[in-house]
Amino acid sequence: MVPTVPLPRRPLDPDDITSDVLHWYENELGWATVPGSGSGGLPVRLVVGRSFDVLDVPAEAGFAALRHRGQMRAPASPVALHGDRMLLLVAEGSADELPGLLDWLEWGGLAPDLRAIGAGGHIEAPLPPGPPGSPVPADGSTGPSQGCTNPQGAAVWLRPPETGCGTAVPLPTMSALGGVGGAPDLVRLVDTLATQCHRVRLRRACAQPLAFS
């Protein structure tokens, strides 16, 4: 019996992928994209400050925070990885709350690696779960794994937003009681992230060789 050779696959059309990405974010999630982004081979970018804000932390601190919150059975919310930074989506307006919240938690300037992106900002849109090239399974079942990275540095979902529920995506808010049902508490999230950012800075400082004159 002569073995059959499968026909070559048609190369993926970048325009088709961009169209799918735009449709998923704009139609499935109702999130705004930056006009003109996604053209010329550039990634689609998401507008921040309308549907969500972003907490931006070093990936090492972010993974440690996710493990801690998992142990505490804290509610989950969307998380993405972009290079060596982790992006945690939080409720709109949270970026404005961050400086005062850090002062109230007595972190002040002790966690400079914890940054916030709010109104006027934008982030690279990770590929939606399912399309070709996406490292995240269609069921969004990936857990916070230190090895889940994209070697090319493109943004990827570690925990994609859930769709199809007919409700807004639950995001951390100042009060879990005041947000969408099941939304995590922003205060606890910020405190955990600040703690892990501080620990990472201390470890890196201790790893530096001593300078002798």
N, C-alpha and C. Protein backbone atom coordinates (compact mmCIF):
# COMPACT_ATOMS: atom_id res chain seq x y z
N MET A 1 0.85 -1.20 0.00
CA MET A 1 0.00 0.00 0.00
C MET A 1 0.88 1.24 0.00
N VAL A 2 0.62 2.13 -0.94
CA VAL A 2 1.43 3.33 -1.05
C VAL A 2 0.95 4.36 -0.03
N PRO A 3 1.88 4.81 0.85
CA PRO A 3 1.45 5.79 1.85
C PRO A 3 1.06 7.10 1.18
N THR A 4 0.03 7.73 1.70
CA THR A 4 -0.41 9.01 1.16
C THR A 4 0.28 10.14 1.89
N VAL A 5 0.59 11.16 1.15
CA VAL A 5 1.24 12.33 1.72
C VAL A 5 0.18 13.42 1.88
N PRO A 6 0.03 13.96 3.07
CA PRO A 6 -0.98 15.00 3.27
C PRO A 6 -0.65 16.24 2.45
N LEU A 7 -1.68 16.89 1.97
CA LEU A 7 -1.49 18.12 1.21
C LEU A 7 -0.91 19.20 2.11
N PRO A 8 -0.07 20.06 1.55
CA PRO A 8 0.51 21.14 2.38
C PRO A 8 -0.57 22.06 2.89
N ARG A 9 -0.38 22.53 4.10
CA ARG A 9 -1.36 23.41 4.70
C ARG A 9 -1.20 24.82 4.14
N ARG A 10 -2.32 25.48 3.95
CA ARG A 10 -2.27 26.85 3.46
C ARG A 10 -1.75 27.75 4.58
N PRO A 11 -0.75 28.59 4.28
CA PRO A 11 -0.21 29.47 5.33
C PRO A 11 -1.32 30.35 5.91
N LEU A 12 -1.21 30.59 7.21
CA LEU A 12 -2.20 31.43 7.87
C LEU A 12 -2.09 32.86 7.36
N ASP A 13 -3.21 33.45 7.04
CA ASP A 13 -3.24 34.83 6.57
C ASP A 13 -3.24 35.76 7.77
N PRO A 14 -2.21 36.61 7.91
CA PRO A 14 -2.15 37.52 9.06
C PRO A 14 -3.40 38.39 9.17
N ASP A 15 -3.99 38.76 8.02
CA ASP A 15 -5.19 39.59 8.06
C ASP A 15 -6.36 38.83 8.68
N ASP A 16 -6.44 37.51 8.40
CA ASP A 16 -7.51 36.71 8.99
C ASP A 16 -7.35 36.62 10.50
N ILE A 17 -6.09 36.43 10.95
CA ILE A 17 -5.83 36.35 12.39
C ILE A 17 -6.19 37.66 13.07
N THR A 18 -5.77 38.78 12.46
CA THR A 18 -6.08 40.09 13.03
C THR A 18 -7.58 40.31 13.11
N SER A 19 -8.29 39.90 12.06
CA SER A 19 -9.75 40.05 12.06
C SER A 19 -10.39 39.24 13.18
N ASP A 20 -9.90 38.00 13.39
CA ASP A 20 -10.42 37.16 14.46
C ASP A 20 -10.15 37.78 15.83
N VAL A 21 -8.94 38.32 16.00
CA VAL A 21 -8.57 38.94 17.27
C VAL A 21 -9.46 40.14 17.56
N LEU A 22 -9.63 41.02 16.56
CA LEU A 22 -10.48 42.19 16.73
C LEU A 22 -11.92 41.80 17.06
N HIS A 23 -12.42 40.77 16.36
CA HIS A 23 -13.80 40.34 16.59
C HIS A 23 -13.97 39.83 18.01
N TRP A 24 -13.00 39.05 18.50
CA TRP A 24 -13.13 38.47 19.84
C TRP A 24 -13.16 39.55 20.91
N TYR A 25 -12.25 40.51 20.81
CA TYR A 25 -12.19 41.55 21.83
C TYR A 25 -13.35 42.53 21.72
N GLU A 26 -13.67 42.96 20.51
CA GLU A 26 -14.69 44.00 20.36
C GLU A 26 -16.11 43.45 20.46
N ASN A 27 -16.33 42.24 19.91
CA ASN A 27 -17.69 41.70 19.88
C ASN A 27 -17.99 40.74 21.02
N GLU A 28 -17.03 39.86 21.35
CA GLU A 28 -17.28 38.89 22.42
C GLU A 28 -17.15 39.53 23.80
N LEU A 29 -16.12 40.38 23.96
CA LEU A 29 -15.87 40.99 25.27
C LEU A 29 -16.41 42.41 25.37
N GLY A 30 -16.55 43.08 24.23
CA GLY A 30 -16.98 44.47 24.26
C GLY A 30 -15.88 45.42 24.69
N TRP A 31 -14.62 45.02 24.48
CA TRP A 31 -13.48 45.85 24.85
C TRP A 31 -13.03 46.67 23.65
N ALA A 32 -12.64 47.91 23.89
CA ALA A 32 -12.19 48.79 22.81
C ALA A 32 -10.76 48.48 22.42
N THR A 33 -10.47 48.57 21.12
CA THR A 33 -9.11 48.42 20.62
C THR A 33 -8.63 49.76 20.08
N VAL A 34 -7.32 49.92 20.04
CA VAL A 34 -6.74 51.17 19.53
C VAL A 34 -6.97 51.23 18.03
N PRO A 35 -7.62 52.29 17.51
CA PRO A 35 -7.88 52.38 16.07
C PRO A 35 -6.60 52.25 15.25
N GLY A 36 -6.65 51.40 14.24
CA GLY A 36 -5.50 51.22 13.36
C GLY A 36 -4.50 50.18 13.82
N SER A 37 -4.60 49.74 15.08
CA SER A 37 -3.66 48.73 15.55
C SER A 37 -3.99 47.40 14.89
N GLY A 38 -2.99 46.57 14.71
CA GLY A 38 -3.19 45.29 14.04
C GLY A 38 -2.88 45.35 12.56
N SER A 39 -2.62 46.53 12.02
CA SER A 39 -2.28 46.64 10.61
C SER A 39 -0.77 46.65 10.43
N GLY A 40 -0.33 46.32 9.22
CA GLY A 40 1.10 46.33 8.93
C GLY A 40 1.90 45.32 9.71
N GLY A 41 1.24 44.23 10.15
CA GLY A 41 1.96 43.21 10.90
C GLY A 41 2.14 43.54 12.36
N LEU A 42 1.65 44.68 12.83
CA LEU A 42 1.77 45.05 14.23
C LEU A 42 0.62 44.42 15.03
N PRO A 43 0.84 44.15 16.32
CA PRO A 43 -0.21 43.52 17.13
C PRO A 43 -1.37 44.46 17.42
N VAL A 44 -2.53 43.88 17.62
CA VAL A 44 -3.69 44.64 18.08
C VAL A 44 -3.40 45.14 19.49
N ARG A 45 -3.85 46.35 19.79
CA ARG A 45 -3.66 46.91 21.12
C ARG A 45 -5.02 47.23 21.74
N LEU A 46 -5.12 47.00 23.05
CA LEU A 46 -6.36 47.22 23.79
C LEU A 46 -6.32 48.55 24.52
N VAL A 47 -7.43 49.27 24.48
CA VAL A 47 -7.56 50.53 25.21
C VAL A 47 -7.76 50.22 26.69
N VAL A 48 -6.96 50.84 27.53
CA VAL A 48 -7.07 50.66 28.98
C VAL A 48 -7.82 51.86 29.57
N GLY A 49 -8.57 51.61 30.63
CA GLY A 49 -9.27 52.70 31.31
C GLY A 49 -10.73 52.80 30.95
N ARG A 50 -11.21 51.94 30.07
CA ARG A 50 -12.64 51.94 29.74
C ARG A 50 -13.33 50.73 30.39
N SER A 51 -12.90 49.55 29.99
CA SER A 51 -13.49 48.34 30.56
C SER A 51 -12.66 47.79 31.71
N PHE A 52 -11.40 48.17 31.77
CA PHE A 52 -10.50 47.63 32.80
C PHE A 52 -9.28 48.52 32.92
N ASP A 53 -8.58 48.41 34.06
CA ASP A 53 -7.25 48.95 34.26
C ASP A 53 -6.30 47.77 34.41
N VAL A 54 -5.00 48.04 34.52
CA VAL A 54 -4.00 46.98 34.57
C VAL A 54 -3.00 47.23 35.69
N LEU A 55 -2.68 46.19 36.44
CA LEU A 55 -1.55 46.20 37.37
C LEU A 55 -0.41 45.46 36.69
N ASP A 56 0.74 46.11 36.60
CA ASP A 56 1.90 45.62 35.84
C ASP A 56 3.02 45.34 36.83
N VAL A 57 3.44 44.06 36.93
CA VAL A 57 4.46 43.67 37.90
C VAL A 57 5.49 42.75 37.24
N PRO A 58 6.69 42.60 37.84
CA PRO A 58 7.63 41.61 37.31
C PRO A 58 7.01 40.22 37.34
N ALA A 59 7.27 39.43 36.30
CA ALA A 59 6.65 38.10 36.19
C ALA A 59 6.96 37.24 37.41
N GLU A 60 8.19 37.32 37.93
CA GLU A 60 8.56 36.50 39.09
C GLU A 60 7.67 36.81 40.28
N ALA A 61 7.43 38.09 40.53
CA ALA A 61 6.56 38.47 41.64
C ALA A 61 5.11 38.09 41.34
N GLY A 62 4.71 38.23 40.09
CA GLY A 62 3.34 37.90 39.72
C GLY A 62 3.02 36.43 39.91
N PHE A 63 3.93 35.54 39.50
CA PHE A 63 3.70 34.11 39.67
C PHE A 63 3.59 33.75 41.16
N ALA A 64 4.46 34.36 41.98
CA ALA A 64 4.41 34.09 43.42
C ALA A 64 3.08 34.56 44.00
N ALA A 65 2.60 35.72 43.54
CA ALA A 65 1.33 36.24 44.03
C ALA A 65 0.17 35.34 43.62
N LEU A 66 0.20 34.82 42.39
CA LEU A 66 -0.87 33.94 41.93
C LEU A 66 -0.88 32.64 42.73
N ARG A 67 0.32 32.10 43.04
CA ARG A 67 0.37 30.88 43.85
C ARG A 67 -0.23 31.14 45.23
N HIS A 68 0.11 32.28 45.82
CA HIS A 68 -0.40 32.61 47.16
C HIS A 68 -1.91 32.76 47.13
N ARG A 69 -2.43 33.46 46.12
CA ARG A 69 -3.87 33.67 46.04
C ARG A 69 -4.60 32.36 45.76
N GLY A 70 -3.94 31.46 45.01
CA GLY A 70 -4.54 30.15 44.77
C GLY A 70 -4.66 29.35 46.05
N GLN A 71 -3.63 29.44 46.91
CA GLN A 71 -3.66 28.74 48.18
C GLN A 71 -4.74 29.32 49.10
N MET A 72 -5.01 30.62 48.94
CA MET A 72 -6.03 31.28 49.77
C MET A 72 -7.42 31.15 49.14
N ARG A 73 -7.50 30.42 48.00
CA ARG A 73 -8.77 30.25 47.28
C ARG A 73 -9.42 31.58 46.91
N ALA A 74 -8.58 32.54 46.56
CA ALA A 74 -9.10 33.85 46.14
C ALA A 74 -9.73 33.72 44.76
N PRO A 75 -10.77 34.49 44.47
CA PRO A 75 -11.40 34.44 43.14
C PRO A 75 -10.39 34.78 42.04
N ALA A 76 -10.55 34.13 40.90
CA ALA A 76 -9.62 34.34 39.79
C ALA A 76 -10.09 35.49 38.91
N SER A 77 -9.15 36.11 38.22
CA SER A 77 -9.45 37.18 37.27
C SER A 77 -8.42 37.10 36.15
N PRO A 78 -8.65 37.80 35.02
CA PRO A 78 -7.76 37.66 33.86
C PRO A 78 -6.33 38.11 34.15
N VAL A 79 -5.38 37.30 33.63
CA VAL A 79 -3.95 37.57 33.81
C VAL A 79 -3.24 37.28 32.49
N ALA A 80 -2.34 38.17 32.08
CA ALA A 80 -1.56 37.97 30.87
C ALA A 80 -0.08 38.11 31.19
N LEU A 81 0.75 37.59 30.30
CA LEU A 81 2.20 37.68 30.42
C LEU A 81 2.73 38.36 29.18
N HIS A 82 3.58 39.37 29.37
CA HIS A 82 4.18 40.08 28.24
C HIS A 82 5.67 40.23 28.52
N GLY A 83 6.47 39.39 27.88
CA GLY A 83 7.90 39.40 28.16
C GLY A 83 8.16 39.00 29.59
N ASP A 84 8.88 39.84 30.34
CA ASP A 84 9.18 39.53 31.74
C ASP A 84 8.25 40.26 32.69
N ARG A 85 7.11 40.74 32.18
CA ARG A 85 6.14 41.43 33.02
C ARG A 85 4.81 40.69 33.01
N MET A 86 4.12 40.71 34.14
CA MET A 86 2.79 40.13 34.23
C MET A 86 1.77 41.26 34.32
N LEU A 87 0.67 41.09 33.60
CA LEU A 87 -0.39 42.09 33.55
C LEU A 87 -1.64 41.50 34.18
N LEU A 88 -2.10 42.11 35.26
CA LEU A 88 -3.30 41.64 35.96
C LEU A 88 -4.41 42.66 35.74
N LEU A 89 -5.52 42.22 35.16
CA LEU A 89 -6.61 43.13 34.86
C LEU A 89 -7.44 43.39 36.11
N VAL A 90 -7.73 44.66 36.35
CA VAL A 90 -8.51 45.08 37.51
C VAL A 90 -9.61 46.04 37.03
N ALA A 91 -10.51 46.38 37.92
CA ALA A 91 -11.64 47.22 37.55
C ALA A 91 -11.20 48.60 37.09
N GLU A 92 -11.98 49.16 36.19
CA GLU A 92 -11.73 50.51 35.70
C GLU A 92 -11.66 51.50 36.86
N GLY A 93 -10.66 52.37 36.84
CA GLY A 93 -10.47 53.35 37.91
C GLY A 93 -9.51 52.91 38.99
N SER A 94 -9.11 51.64 38.97
CA SER A 94 -8.21 51.13 40.01
C SER A 94 -6.83 51.78 39.95
N ALA A 95 -6.39 52.16 38.74
CA ALA A 95 -5.06 52.78 38.61
C ALA A 95 -4.98 54.07 39.42
N ASP A 96 -6.07 54.83 39.45
CA ASP A 96 -6.07 56.07 40.23
C ASP A 96 -6.05 55.79 41.73
N GLU A 97 -6.55 54.64 42.13
CA GLU A 97 -6.60 54.29 43.54
C GLU A 97 -5.27 53.75 44.07
N LEU A 98 -4.39 53.29 43.16
CA LEU A 98 -3.19 52.57 43.60
C LEU A 98 -2.28 53.37 44.52
N PRO A 99 -1.88 54.63 44.18
CA PRO A 99 -0.95 55.34 45.07
C PRO A 99 -1.48 55.48 46.50
N GLY A 100 -2.74 55.88 46.65
CA GLY A 100 -3.31 56.02 47.98
C GLY A 100 -3.46 54.69 48.68
N LEU A 101 -3.77 53.65 47.92
CA LEU A 101 -3.92 52.33 48.50
C LEU A 101 -2.59 51.81 49.02
N LEU A 102 -1.52 52.02 48.27
CA LEU A 102 -0.18 51.60 48.73
C LEU A 102 0.21 52.35 50.00
N ASP A 103 -0.09 53.65 50.07
CA ASP A 103 0.21 54.42 51.29
C ASP A 103 -0.59 53.89 52.47
N TRP A 104 -1.87 53.59 52.23
CA TRP A 104 -2.73 53.09 53.31
C TRP A 104 -2.25 51.73 53.82
N LEU A 105 -1.71 50.91 52.91
CA LEU A 105 -1.18 49.60 53.29
C LEU A 105 0.24 49.70 53.83
N GLU A 106 0.76 50.94 53.90
CA GLU A 106 2.11 51.23 54.43
C GLU A 106 3.21 50.64 53.54
N TRP A 107 2.92 50.55 52.25
CA TRP A 107 3.96 50.14 51.31
C TRP A 107 4.64 51.37 50.72
N GLY A 108 3.89 52.43 50.51
CA GLY A 108 4.47 53.67 50.01
C GLY A 108 5.39 53.44 48.83
N GLY A 109 6.65 53.87 48.96
CA GLY A 109 7.62 53.71 47.89
C GLY A 109 8.42 52.42 47.97
N LEU A 110 7.93 51.44 48.76
CA LEU A 110 8.67 50.19 48.93
C LEU A 110 8.42 49.19 47.81
N ALA A 111 7.48 49.47 46.95
CA ALA A 111 7.17 48.54 45.85
C ALA A 111 7.13 49.29 44.52
N PRO A 112 8.26 49.88 44.11
CA PRO A 112 8.26 50.66 42.86
C PRO A 112 8.02 49.83 41.61
N ASP A 113 8.22 48.51 41.70
CA ASP A 113 8.00 47.65 40.53
C ASP A 113 6.53 47.35 40.30
N LEU A 114 5.66 47.75 41.23
CA LEU A 114 4.22 47.58 41.06
C LEU A 114 3.68 48.85 40.39
N ARG A 115 3.30 48.72 39.14
CA ARG A 115 2.85 49.86 38.36
C ARG A 115 1.40 49.68 37.95
N ALA A 116 0.76 50.78 37.61
CA ALA A 116 -0.63 50.73 37.17
C ALA A 116 -0.76 51.43 35.83
N ILE A 117 -1.61 50.89 34.97
CA ILE A 117 -1.94 51.50 33.69
C ILE A 117 -3.43 51.79 33.71
N GLY A 118 -3.78 53.05 33.50
CA GLY A 118 -5.17 53.44 33.55
C GLY A 118 -5.61 54.17 32.30
N ALA A 119 -6.54 55.11 32.47
CA ALA A 119 -7.10 55.85 31.34
C ALA A 119 -6.00 56.50 30.52
N GLY A 120 -6.11 56.39 29.21
CA GLY A 120 -5.11 56.95 28.30
C GLY A 120 -4.02 55.96 27.92
N GLY A 121 -3.96 54.81 28.60
CA GLY A 121 -2.95 53.80 28.29
C GLY A 121 -3.49 52.72 27.38
N HIS A 122 -2.61 51.84 26.96
CA HIS A 122 -3.03 50.69 26.16
C HIS A 122 -1.99 49.59 26.31
N ILE A 123 -2.40 48.36 26.03
CA ILE A 123 -1.53 47.20 26.13
C ILE A 123 -1.66 46.35 24.87
N GLU A 124 -0.65 45.53 24.62
CA GLU A 124 -0.73 44.60 23.49
C GLU A 124 -1.79 43.55 23.80
N ALA A 125 -2.63 43.26 22.82
CA ALA A 125 -3.70 42.27 23.01
C ALA A 125 -3.15 40.87 22.84
N PRO A 126 -3.21 40.03 23.89
CA PRO A 126 -2.82 38.63 23.71
C PRO A 126 -3.76 37.94 22.73
N LEU A 127 -3.25 36.94 22.02
CA LEU A 127 -4.12 36.18 21.13
C LEU A 127 -5.24 35.54 21.94
N PRO A 128 -6.47 35.58 21.45
CA PRO A 128 -7.57 34.94 22.16
C PRO A 128 -7.34 33.43 22.27
N PRO A 129 -7.90 32.77 23.28
CA PRO A 129 -7.76 31.32 23.37
C PRO A 129 -8.44 30.65 22.19
N GLY A 130 -7.71 29.75 21.54
CA GLY A 130 -8.30 29.00 20.43
C GLY A 130 -7.69 29.25 19.08
N PRO A 131 -7.43 30.53 18.66
CA PRO A 131 -6.90 30.75 17.32
C PRO A 131 -5.53 30.12 17.14
N PRO A 132 -5.13 29.80 15.91
CA PRO A 132 -3.82 29.21 15.67
C PRO A 132 -2.72 30.08 16.23
N GLY A 133 -1.75 29.43 16.87
CA GLY A 133 -0.61 30.13 17.43
C GLY A 133 -0.78 30.52 18.87
N SER A 134 -2.00 30.38 19.40
CA SER A 134 -2.22 30.73 20.79
C SER A 134 -1.69 29.63 21.70
N PRO A 135 -0.85 29.99 22.74
CA PRO A 135 -0.32 28.98 23.65
C PRO A 135 -1.30 28.60 24.74
N VAL A 136 -2.48 29.22 24.77
CA VAL A 136 -3.45 28.94 25.83
C VAL A 136 -4.53 28.04 25.28
N PRO A 137 -4.86 26.91 25.94
CA PRO A 137 -5.92 26.02 25.46
C PRO A 137 -7.25 26.74 25.37
N ALA A 138 -8.13 26.21 24.51
CA ALA A 138 -9.42 26.85 24.29
C ALA A 138 -10.28 26.89 25.54
N ASP A 139 -10.03 25.97 26.48
CA ASP A 139 -10.84 25.97 27.70
C ASP A 139 -10.27 26.87 28.77
N GLY A 140 -9.12 27.54 28.44
CA GLY A 140 -8.54 28.46 29.40
C GLY A 140 -8.07 27.78 30.66
N SER A 141 -7.66 26.52 30.56
CA SER A 141 -7.38 25.73 31.76
C SER A 141 -5.94 25.85 32.24
N THR A 142 -5.15 26.76 31.70
CA THR A 142 -3.78 26.88 32.14
C THR A 142 -3.74 27.43 33.56
N GLY A 143 -2.83 26.91 34.34
CA GLY A 143 -2.63 27.45 35.68
C GLY A 143 -1.43 28.36 35.67
N PRO A 144 -1.19 29.08 36.77
CA PRO A 144 -0.04 29.98 36.83
C PRO A 144 1.26 29.19 36.89
N SER A 145 1.84 28.95 35.74
CA SER A 145 3.08 28.16 35.67
C SER A 145 4.25 29.06 35.31
N GLN A 146 5.35 28.94 36.03
CA GLN A 146 6.52 29.76 35.79
C GLN A 146 7.04 29.56 34.38
N GLY A 147 6.79 28.40 33.77
CA GLY A 147 7.34 28.14 32.45
C GLY A 147 6.44 28.55 31.32
N CYS A 148 5.27 29.12 31.61
CA CYS A 148 4.34 29.50 30.55
C CYS A 148 4.73 30.86 30.01
N THR A 149 5.64 30.91 29.04
CA THR A 149 6.10 32.14 28.45
C THR A 149 6.12 32.00 26.95
N ASN A 150 6.20 33.13 26.28
CA ASN A 150 6.30 33.14 24.83
C ASN A 150 7.72 33.51 24.47
N PRO A 151 8.48 32.64 23.79
CA PRO A 151 9.87 32.93 23.50
C PRO A 151 10.05 34.17 22.64
N GLN A 152 9.03 34.58 21.90
CA GLN A 152 9.15 35.76 21.06
C GLN A 152 8.76 37.03 21.81
N GLY A 153 8.33 36.90 23.05
CA GLY A 153 8.01 38.07 23.86
C GLY A 153 6.64 38.64 23.63
N ALA A 154 5.82 38.03 22.77
CA ALA A 154 4.47 38.53 22.54
C ALA A 154 3.60 38.27 23.77
N ALA A 155 2.58 39.09 23.93
CA ALA A 155 1.67 38.93 25.07
C ALA A 155 0.86 37.64 24.91
N VAL A 156 0.70 36.90 26.01
CA VAL A 156 -0.10 35.67 26.02
C VAL A 156 -0.99 35.66 27.26
N TRP A 157 -2.12 35.01 27.14
CA TRP A 157 -3.00 34.87 28.29
C TRP A 157 -2.54 33.71 29.16
N LEU A 158 -2.37 33.95 30.44
CA LEU A 158 -2.19 32.88 31.41
C LEU A 158 -3.55 32.43 31.93
N ARG A 159 -4.43 33.41 32.07
CA ARG A 159 -5.80 33.15 32.52
C ARG A 159 -6.71 34.08 31.71
N PRO A 160 -7.24 33.60 30.59
CA PRO A 160 -8.02 34.49 29.72
C PRO A 160 -9.36 34.87 30.33
N PRO A 161 -9.91 36.00 29.92
CA PRO A 161 -11.24 36.38 30.41
C PRO A 161 -12.30 35.42 29.89
N GLU A 162 -13.29 35.15 30.71
CA GLU A 162 -14.37 34.26 30.32
C GLU A 162 -15.43 35.04 29.53
N THR A 163 -15.96 34.41 28.52
CA THR A 163 -17.00 35.04 27.70
C THR A 163 -18.21 34.13 27.62
N GLY A 164 -19.26 34.66 27.06
CA GLY A 164 -20.45 33.85 26.83
C GLY A 164 -21.35 33.70 28.03
N CYS A 165 -21.06 34.44 29.11
CA CYS A 165 -21.89 34.33 30.31
C CYS A 165 -22.97 35.40 30.35
N GLY A 166 -22.91 36.35 29.41
CA GLY A 166 -23.91 37.40 29.38
C GLY A 166 -23.71 38.45 30.44
N THR A 167 -22.57 38.42 31.13
CA THR A 167 -22.29 39.41 32.16
C THR A 167 -20.89 39.96 31.94
N ALA A 168 -20.58 41.05 32.64
CA ALA A 168 -19.25 41.64 32.55
C ALA A 168 -18.22 40.69 33.14
N VAL A 169 -16.98 40.81 32.64
CA VAL A 169 -15.89 39.98 33.17
C VAL A 169 -15.61 40.41 34.61
N PRO A 170 -15.66 39.49 35.60
CA PRO A 170 -15.38 39.86 36.99
C PRO A 170 -13.93 40.33 37.15
N LEU A 171 -13.74 41.51 37.72
CA LEU A 171 -12.42 42.08 37.92
C LEU A 171 -12.27 42.55 39.36
N PRO A 172 -11.03 42.55 39.88
CA PRO A 172 -10.81 43.02 41.25
C PRO A 172 -11.27 44.46 41.42
N THR A 173 -11.96 44.73 42.51
CA THR A 173 -12.46 46.06 42.82
C THR A 173 -12.03 46.45 44.24
N MET A 174 -12.27 47.70 44.59
CA MET A 174 -11.94 48.15 45.94
C MET A 174 -12.70 47.35 46.99
N SER A 175 -13.88 46.93 46.67
CA SER A 175 -14.66 46.10 47.60
C SER A 175 -15.33 45.00 46.81
N ALA A 176 -15.10 43.77 47.20
CA ALA A 176 -15.73 42.65 46.52
C ALA A 176 -17.24 42.75 46.60
N LEU A 177 -17.75 43.38 47.66
CA LEU A 177 -19.19 43.49 47.83
C LEU A 177 -19.78 44.53 46.89
N GLY A 178 -18.91 45.45 46.42
CA GLY A 178 -19.43 46.52 45.58
C GLY A 178 -19.24 46.28 44.11
N GLY A 179 -18.62 45.19 43.73
CA GLY A 179 -18.36 44.95 42.33
C GLY A 179 -19.22 43.85 41.77
N VAL A 180 -18.82 43.35 40.60
CA VAL A 180 -19.54 42.25 39.97
C VAL A 180 -19.43 41.04 40.86
N GLY A 181 -20.48 40.23 40.92
CA GLY A 181 -20.48 39.06 41.80
C GLY A 181 -19.25 38.21 41.62
N GLY A 182 -18.57 37.90 42.72
CA GLY A 182 -17.39 37.06 42.67
C GLY A 182 -16.10 37.83 42.42
N ALA A 183 -16.17 39.15 42.28
CA ALA A 183 -14.96 39.92 42.00
C ALA A 183 -14.00 39.88 43.19
N PRO A 184 -12.71 39.68 42.93
CA PRO A 184 -11.73 39.67 44.02
C PRO A 184 -11.61 41.04 44.67
N ASP A 185 -11.05 41.06 45.87
CA ASP A 185 -10.85 42.30 46.60
C ASP A 185 -9.54 42.95 46.15
N LEU A 186 -9.63 44.15 45.59
CA LEU A 186 -8.45 44.85 45.08
C LEU A 186 -7.42 45.09 46.18
N VAL A 187 -7.88 45.38 47.39
CA VAL A 187 -6.96 45.67 48.49
C VAL A 187 -6.06 44.47 48.77
N ARG A 188 -6.65 43.28 48.87
CA ARG A 188 -5.86 42.08 49.14
C ARG A 188 -4.92 41.78 47.97
N LEU A 189 -5.40 41.98 46.75
CA LEU A 189 -4.55 41.73 45.58
C LEU A 189 -3.34 42.66 45.58
N VAL A 190 -3.57 43.95 45.81
CA VAL A 190 -2.46 44.91 45.82
C VAL A 190 -1.47 44.59 46.94
N ASP A 191 -1.98 44.25 48.11
CA ASP A 191 -1.10 43.93 49.23
C ASP A 191 -0.23 42.71 48.90
N THR A 192 -0.84 41.69 48.28
CA THR A 192 -0.07 40.49 47.90
C THR A 192 0.97 40.82 46.85
N LEU A 193 0.59 41.60 45.85
CA LEU A 193 1.54 41.96 44.80
C LEU A 193 2.69 42.80 45.35
N ALA A 194 2.37 43.76 46.21
CA ALA A 194 3.42 44.60 46.80
C ALA A 194 4.39 43.77 47.63
N THR A 195 3.85 42.82 48.39
CA THR A 195 4.70 41.94 49.20
C THR A 195 5.66 41.15 48.32
N GLN A 196 5.15 40.56 47.24
CA GLN A 196 5.99 39.74 46.38
C GLN A 196 6.99 40.59 45.59
N CYS A 197 6.59 41.79 45.16
CA CYS A 197 7.53 42.69 44.48
C CYS A 197 8.68 43.06 45.40
N HIS A 198 8.35 43.34 46.67
CA HIS A 198 9.37 43.70 47.64
C HIS A 198 10.33 42.53 47.88
N ARG A 199 9.79 41.32 47.99
CA ARG A 199 10.63 40.15 48.21
C ARG A 199 11.57 39.91 47.02
N VAL A 200 11.06 40.10 45.82
CA VAL A 200 11.91 39.92 44.63
C VAL A 200 13.04 40.93 44.63
N ARG A 201 12.74 42.18 44.97
CA ARG A 201 13.79 43.21 45.02
C ARG A 201 14.83 42.87 46.07
N LEU A 202 14.41 42.37 47.23
CA LEU A 202 15.36 42.00 48.28
C LEU A 202 16.26 40.85 47.84
N ARG A 203 15.64 39.83 47.18
CA ARG A 203 16.44 38.69 46.71
C ARG A 203 17.48 39.14 45.68
N ARG A 204 17.06 39.99 44.78
CA ARG A 204 17.99 40.45 43.76
C ARG A 204 19.09 41.31 44.35
N ALA A 205 18.75 42.11 45.36
CA ALA A 205 19.76 42.93 46.02
C ALA A 205 20.78 42.07 46.76
N CYS A 206 20.29 41.01 47.41
CA CYS A 206 21.19 40.12 48.14
C CYS A 206 22.07 39.31 47.20
N ALA A 207 21.61 39.10 45.97
CA ALA A 207 22.38 38.33 45.01
C ALA A 207 23.49 39.14 44.36
N GLN A 208 23.45 40.48 44.54
CA GLN A 208 24.48 41.31 43.93
C GLN A 208 25.81 41.11 44.66
N PRO A 209 26.91 40.99 43.92
CA PRO A 209 28.22 40.85 44.58
C PRO A 209 28.60 42.11 45.33
N LEU A 210 29.26 41.92 46.47
CA LEU A 210 29.69 43.06 47.27
C LEU A 210 30.82 43.80 46.55
N ALA A 211 30.78 45.13 46.65
CA ALA A 211 31.82 45.95 46.02
C ALA A 211 32.86 46.33 47.07
N PHE A 212 34.10 46.04 46.77
CA PHE A 212 35.19 46.36 47.69
C PHE A 212 36.04 47.46 47.06
N SER A 213 36.37 48.45 47.85
CA SER A 213 37.21 49.54 47.34
C SER A 213 38.68 49.19 47.49
